Protein backbone atom coordinates (compact mmCIF):
# COMPACT_ATOMS: atom_id res chain seq x y z
CA MET A 1 -12.56 -20.36 34.05
CA TYR A 2 -14.18 -16.89 33.73
CA GLU A 3 -17.55 -15.75 32.38
CA GLY A 4 -18.03 -16.20 28.62
CA ALA A 5 -16.91 -12.84 27.16
CA VAL A 6 -13.93 -12.46 29.50
CA GLN A 7 -12.71 -16.01 28.84
CA ASP A 8 -13.20 -15.52 25.09
CA LEU A 9 -11.02 -12.38 25.25
CA ILE A 10 -8.33 -14.19 27.26
CA ASP A 11 -8.37 -17.09 24.80
CA GLU A 12 -8.04 -14.77 21.78
CA LEU A 13 -5.24 -12.74 23.38
CA GLY A 14 -3.45 -15.98 24.25
CA ARG A 15 -3.33 -16.87 20.56
CA LEU A 16 -1.10 -13.85 19.84
CA PRO A 17 2.62 -14.60 19.41
CA GLY A 18 4.59 -14.09 22.61
CA VAL A 19 1.48 -13.83 24.79
CA GLY A 20 1.15 -16.66 27.27
CA PRO A 21 -1.89 -17.45 29.46
CA LYS A 22 -0.86 -15.15 32.32
CA SER A 23 -0.06 -12.24 30.00
CA ALA A 24 -3.38 -12.77 28.19
CA GLN A 25 -5.19 -12.63 31.50
CA ARG A 26 -3.35 -9.42 32.55
CA ILE A 27 -4.13 -7.73 29.22
CA ALA A 28 -7.79 -8.78 29.41
CA PHE A 29 -8.20 -7.35 32.89
CA HIS A 30 -6.39 -4.18 31.84
CA LEU A 31 -8.86 -3.80 28.97
CA LEU A 32 -11.76 -4.27 31.41
CA GLN A 33 -10.45 -1.34 33.48
CA VAL A 34 -9.77 1.18 30.68
CA GLU A 35 -12.31 3.72 29.51
CA GLN A 36 -14.74 2.60 26.82
CA ALA A 37 -13.20 5.13 24.39
CA ASP A 38 -9.70 3.62 24.86
CA ALA A 39 -10.98 0.10 24.25
CA GLN A 40 -12.90 1.32 21.19
CA ARG A 41 -9.75 2.96 19.73
CA LEU A 42 -7.94 -0.38 20.05
CA ALA A 43 -10.83 -2.25 18.41
CA ASP A 44 -11.03 0.36 15.63
CA ALA A 45 -7.26 0.17 14.99
CA ILE A 46 -7.43 -3.63 14.65
CA THR A 47 -10.43 -3.43 12.32
CA ARG A 48 -8.84 -0.68 10.23
CA VAL A 49 -5.50 -2.50 9.82
CA LYS A 50 -7.29 -5.67 8.72
CA SER A 51 -9.39 -3.80 6.15
CA THR A 52 -6.80 -1.39 4.69
CA VAL A 53 -3.36 -3.00 4.97
CA ARG A 54 -2.18 -5.44 2.31
CA PHE A 55 1.13 -6.57 0.86
CA CYS A 56 2.95 -4.48 -1.74
CA SER A 57 2.50 -5.91 -5.24
CA ARG A 58 6.18 -5.33 -6.01
CA CYS A 59 8.19 -6.13 -2.85
CA TRP A 60 5.70 -7.82 -0.46
CA ASN A 61 6.23 -5.26 2.29
CA ILE A 62 3.13 -4.00 4.09
CA ALA A 63 1.26 -1.28 2.21
CA GLU A 64 -2.00 0.64 2.30
CA GLY A 65 -2.14 0.89 -1.47
CA GLU A 66 -0.99 -1.18 -4.44
CA GLU A 67 2.66 -0.42 -3.65
CA CYS A 68 4.40 0.45 -0.37
CA ARG A 69 5.90 3.90 0.26
CA ILE A 70 9.46 2.61 -0.36
CA CYS A 71 8.62 1.22 -3.81
CA ARG A 72 6.84 4.49 -4.68
CA ASP A 73 9.82 6.62 -3.56
CA GLU A 74 11.69 7.67 -6.72
CA ARG A 75 14.70 8.74 -4.60
CA ARG A 76 15.47 5.12 -3.67
CA ASP A 77 18.28 3.40 -5.58
CA PRO A 78 16.65 0.79 -7.88
CA SER A 79 19.99 -0.90 -8.59
CA VAL A 80 20.32 -2.29 -5.03
CA LEU A 81 17.79 -4.76 -3.67
CA CYS A 82 17.83 -5.93 -0.04
CA VAL A 83 16.14 -9.30 0.53
CA VAL A 84 14.65 -9.79 3.99
CA GLU A 85 12.48 -12.42 5.63
CA GLU A 86 9.65 -10.31 7.09
CA PRO A 87 8.25 -6.74 6.86
CA ARG A 88 9.51 -6.03 10.40
CA ASP A 89 13.07 -6.54 9.04
CA VAL A 90 12.47 -3.63 6.64
CA VAL A 91 11.64 -1.43 9.62
CA ALA A 92 14.80 -2.56 11.46
CA ILE A 93 16.99 -1.73 8.46
CA GLU A 94 15.26 1.60 7.81
CA ARG A 95 15.98 2.68 11.41
CA THR A 96 19.73 2.55 10.62
CA ARG A 97 19.37 5.25 7.92
CA GLU A 98 22.29 3.49 6.15
CA TYR A 99 20.40 1.90 3.27
CA ARG A 100 18.80 3.80 0.37
CA GLY A 101 17.90 0.96 -2.01
CA ARG A 102 14.73 -1.07 -2.35
CA TYR A 103 13.54 -4.28 -0.68
CA HIS A 104 12.10 -7.69 -1.38
CA VAL A 105 10.28 -9.47 1.47
CA LEU A 106 10.32 -13.27 1.23
CA GLY A 107 7.55 -13.82 3.75
CA GLY A 108 9.62 -16.15 5.92
CA ALA A 109 12.65 -18.41 5.74
CA ILE A 110 13.27 -21.94 4.51
CA SER A 111 12.45 -24.33 7.34
CA PRO A 112 11.91 -27.97 6.33
CA ILE A 113 10.90 -28.90 9.87
CA ASP A 114 8.01 -26.43 9.59
CA GLY A 115 7.19 -27.48 6.03
CA ILE A 116 8.41 -24.19 4.53
CA GLY A 117 10.37 -24.52 1.31
CA PRO A 118 11.24 -22.01 -1.43
CA ASP A 119 7.81 -22.49 -3.03
CA GLU A 120 6.12 -21.12 0.11
CA LEU A 121 8.21 -17.94 -0.07
CA HIS A 122 8.29 -15.07 -2.60
CA VAL A 123 11.36 -16.47 -4.36
CA LYS A 124 9.71 -16.76 -7.79
CA GLU A 125 8.66 -13.10 -7.56
CA LEU A 126 12.26 -12.16 -6.67
CA VAL A 127 13.61 -13.89 -9.78
CA GLU A 128 10.96 -12.11 -11.88
CA ARG A 129 12.02 -8.75 -10.40
CA LEU A 130 15.64 -9.42 -11.28
CA ASP A 131 14.56 -10.10 -14.85
CA GLY A 132 12.51 -6.91 -15.12
CA GLU A 133 14.36 -4.36 -12.96
CA PRO A 134 17.90 -2.91 -13.29
CA VAL A 135 19.33 -4.59 -10.16
CA ASP A 136 23.15 -4.68 -9.89
CA GLU A 137 23.48 -5.83 -6.27
CA LEU A 138 21.32 -8.14 -4.20
CA ILE A 139 21.91 -7.91 -0.42
CA LEU A 140 20.83 -10.99 1.51
CA ALA A 141 19.75 -9.78 4.96
CA MET A 142 18.48 -13.00 6.49
CA ASN A 143 18.34 -13.52 10.24
CA PRO A 144 21.59 -15.11 11.49
CA ASN A 145 20.03 -18.41 12.52
CA VAL A 146 19.74 -21.89 10.95
CA GLU A 147 16.71 -21.00 8.82
CA GLY A 148 18.22 -17.70 7.69
CA GLU A 149 21.49 -19.37 6.74
CA ALA A 150 19.63 -22.06 4.78
CA THR A 151 17.62 -19.41 2.96
CA ALA A 152 20.72 -17.33 2.15
CA SER A 153 22.58 -20.39 0.85
CA TYR A 154 19.66 -21.39 -1.34
CA LEU A 155 19.29 -17.87 -2.77
CA THR A 156 23.05 -17.59 -3.38
CA ARG A 157 23.06 -20.82 -5.41
CA LEU A 158 19.93 -19.75 -7.29
CA LEU A 159 20.81 -16.13 -8.04
CA THR A 160 24.59 -16.01 -8.57
CA PRO A 161 24.35 -17.62 -12.05
CA LEU A 162 21.98 -14.80 -13.09
CA GLY A 163 24.93 -12.39 -13.14
CA VAL A 164 23.85 -10.18 -10.26
CA ARG A 165 26.29 -9.35 -7.44
CA VAL A 166 25.10 -11.19 -4.31
CA THR A 167 26.25 -9.90 -0.91
CA ARG A 168 25.49 -10.72 2.73
CA LEU A 169 25.39 -8.49 5.77
CA ALA A 170 28.70 -8.41 7.63
CA SER A 171 29.30 -9.92 11.04
CA GLY A 172 28.22 -8.03 14.10
CA LEU A 173 24.76 -9.48 14.26
CA PRO A 174 24.38 -12.11 16.96
CA VAL A 175 23.97 -15.69 15.76
CA GLY A 176 20.53 -17.01 16.68
CA GLY A 177 19.09 -13.48 16.88
CA ASP A 178 16.51 -11.65 14.79
CA LEU A 179 17.08 -8.43 12.81
CA ASP A 180 14.27 -6.58 14.56
CA TYR A 181 16.06 -7.03 17.93
CA ALA A 182 19.38 -5.60 16.72
CA ASP A 183 20.20 -2.02 17.68
CA GLU A 184 20.72 0.61 14.97
CA VAL A 185 24.50 0.83 15.42
CA THR A 186 25.07 -2.93 15.12
CA LEU A 187 22.78 -3.24 12.12
CA GLY A 188 24.32 -0.14 10.51
CA ARG A 189 27.83 -1.57 10.87
CA ALA A 190 26.66 -4.87 9.46
CA PHE A 191 25.39 -3.02 6.37
CA SER A 192 28.60 -1.04 5.95
CA GLY A 193 30.73 -4.19 6.10
CA ARG A 194 28.68 -6.46 3.87
CA ARG A 195 30.70 -8.85 1.67
CA ASP A 196 30.39 -10.80 -1.55
CA VAL A 197 28.95 -14.30 -1.21
CA SER A 198 30.28 -15.74 -4.46
């Protein structure tokens, strides 16, 4: 539709999640109008994040070193482990300032329709952590949707026999919503009112 480089940019932007064809076109034309230095900062930020950011070797959160800042923080409570689907869920929970334990990021949720089972997630690594770390409570903080519920049920059945206390976040989170869209107050109350699963 447009000249080569412009159409290539629109096509690449359109591949981003949540960016449709019209939004991709608006962003591309915005980038054409900004100063060269502004466009270069964006390009440099993308290049830098791809070359320096990796996943934490312990919890699978995003990190710029071997371990993320939360796993390196000795002030965090090692006896409480919060299991989330994605790194953005860690950010949502941290914004509440209610939780002082550590995390384990699964890398998604069980979704048979999408071909995602427990083997495609970091479940094996979670079980290994429970064997090697002094965890007393495991908080399941899955998104309150079908996939999140399936994941929480699977983990409850798998982990309860290991002798660790398994809890879920309390109600207050909207069904069908994602943790990163919840406000701090709602998510904070959900943490305060978590309950035993077993």
